Amino acid sequence: MRLSCAALRSSFRLREDEIVKPDIHPDLHLVTAVCACGNTFQVHSTHDELRLEICNECHPYFTGKQKLIDTAGRVDRFKKRFEQTQQKQAAQKQAAQKQA
């Protein structure tokens, strides 16, 4: 005997007389989720606050735009440190030449 999908779904539903156990479920809050891109939206969560690195507004799958995250910042920081090192070495060479 085969059961239809509707019959299976109705057999697994909680009836009104069935009660869930009290005091074991976490409190569910309505919180504001804040993404790194600045997008905010309301969600239900057991946490008090929700901070995200990426959301549907900035994710490449949903936006269709390819976006490199923090790669340019790393390269810029490396170049800046490299230039500072070069400047220090040049200053040390000039100081050595003046002393000689």
Protein backbone atom coordinates (compact mmCIF):
# COMPACT_ATOMS: atom_id res chain seq x y z
CA MET A 1 0.00 0.00 0.00
CA ARG A 2 1.44 3.35 -1.03
CA LEU A 3 0.72 6.60 0.81
CA SER A 4 0.49 9.90 -0.94
CA CYS A 5 2.81 12.78 -0.05
CA ALA A 6 -0.06 14.64 1.59
CA ALA A 7 -0.87 11.65 3.78
CA LEU A 8 2.75 11.33 4.85
CA ARG A 9 3.02 15.03 5.70
CA SER A 10 -0.16 15.03 7.75
CA SER A 11 0.98 11.99 9.74
CA PHE A 12 4.14 13.80 10.91
CA ARG A 13 2.48 17.02 12.05
CA LEU A 14 2.06 17.75 15.72
CA ARG A 15 -1.47 17.58 16.90
CA GLU A 16 -2.91 20.31 19.10
CA ASP A 17 -2.94 18.03 22.14
CA GLU A 18 0.79 17.28 21.81
CA ILE A 19 2.88 19.76 23.80
CA VAL A 20 6.60 20.41 23.42
CA LYS A 21 8.76 20.24 26.51
CA PRO A 22 8.94 23.55 28.41
CA ASP A 23 12.18 25.35 29.38
CA ILE A 24 14.50 23.44 27.02
CA HIS A 25 14.26 25.62 23.92
CA PRO A 26 16.45 28.73 23.50
CA ASP A 27 14.82 32.14 23.37
CA LEU A 28 14.23 33.38 19.85
CA HIS A 29 14.79 37.12 19.30
CA LEU A 30 14.12 39.44 16.40
CA VAL A 31 17.57 40.92 15.72
CA THR A 32 19.13 43.17 13.12
CA ALA A 33 21.75 41.39 11.01
CA VAL A 34 24.54 43.71 9.87
CA CYS A 35 26.74 42.80 6.91
CA ALA A 36 30.27 44.07 6.30
CA CYS A 37 28.97 45.85 3.17
CA GLY A 38 26.56 47.89 5.32
CA ASN A 39 23.36 46.04 4.45
CA THR A 40 21.00 45.46 7.40
CA PHE A 41 17.91 43.29 7.71
CA GLN A 42 15.73 41.76 10.41
CA VAL A 43 15.99 38.02 11.20
CA HIS A 44 15.03 35.70 14.03
CA SER A 45 18.00 34.33 15.96
CA THR A 46 18.94 32.85 19.30
CA HIS A 47 21.90 35.29 19.43
CA ASP A 48 21.56 38.87 20.65
CA GLU A 49 23.34 40.37 17.64
CA LEU A 50 24.32 39.04 14.24
CA ARG A 51 27.28 40.37 12.21
CA LEU A 52 27.94 38.90 8.78
CA GLU A 53 30.92 38.99 6.45
CA ILE A 54 28.85 38.56 3.30
CA CYS A 55 25.14 38.73 2.48
CA ASN A 56 22.87 38.36 -0.53
CA GLU A 57 23.47 42.01 -1.50
CA CYS A 58 27.24 41.60 -1.88
CA HIS A 59 27.68 37.87 -2.62
CA PRO A 60 28.90 37.29 -6.21
CA TYR A 61 26.43 34.43 -6.75
CA PHE A 62 23.43 36.68 -6.14
CA THR A 63 24.80 39.92 -7.63
CA GLY A 64 26.45 38.43 -10.71
CA LYS A 65 29.53 40.56 -10.06
CA GLN A 66 32.92 39.10 -9.30
CA LYS A 67 34.40 40.82 -6.28
CA LEU A 68 37.78 40.26 -4.68
CA ILE A 69 37.44 40.57 -0.95
CA ASP A 70 40.35 42.28 0.84
CA THR A 71 42.91 41.18 -1.77
CA ALA A 72 43.71 44.71 -2.92
CA GLY A 73 44.14 45.85 0.68
CA ARG A 74 46.75 43.18 1.31
CA VAL A 75 48.71 44.08 -1.80
CA ASP A 76 48.61 47.79 -0.95
CA ARG A 77 49.83 47.13 2.58
CA PHE A 78 52.68 44.98 1.25
CA LYS A 79 53.74 47.66 -1.25
CA LYS A 80 53.65 50.31 1.47
CA ARG A 81 55.85 48.24 3.80
CA PHE A 82 58.22 47.41 0.94
CA GLU A 83 58.58 51.10 0.04
CA GLN A 84 59.28 51.98 3.68
CA THR A 85 61.97 49.31 3.81
CA GLN A 86 63.53 50.62 0.59
CA GLN A 87 63.53 54.17 1.98
CA LYS A 88 65.20 53.05 5.23
CA GLN A 89 67.88 51.17 3.30
CA ALA A 90 68.52 54.19 1.06
CA ALA A 91 68.80 56.45 4.13
CA GLN A 92 71.26 54.04 5.75
CA LYS A 93 73.39 53.99 2.59
CA GLN A 94 73.45 57.80 2.47
CA ALA A 95 74.43 57.96 6.14
CA ALA A 96 77.22 55.42 5.54
CA GLN A 97 78.51 57.41 2.54
CA LYS A 98 78.56 60.66 4.58
CA GLN A 99 80.57 58.99 7.34
CA ALA A 100 83.11 57.58 4.88
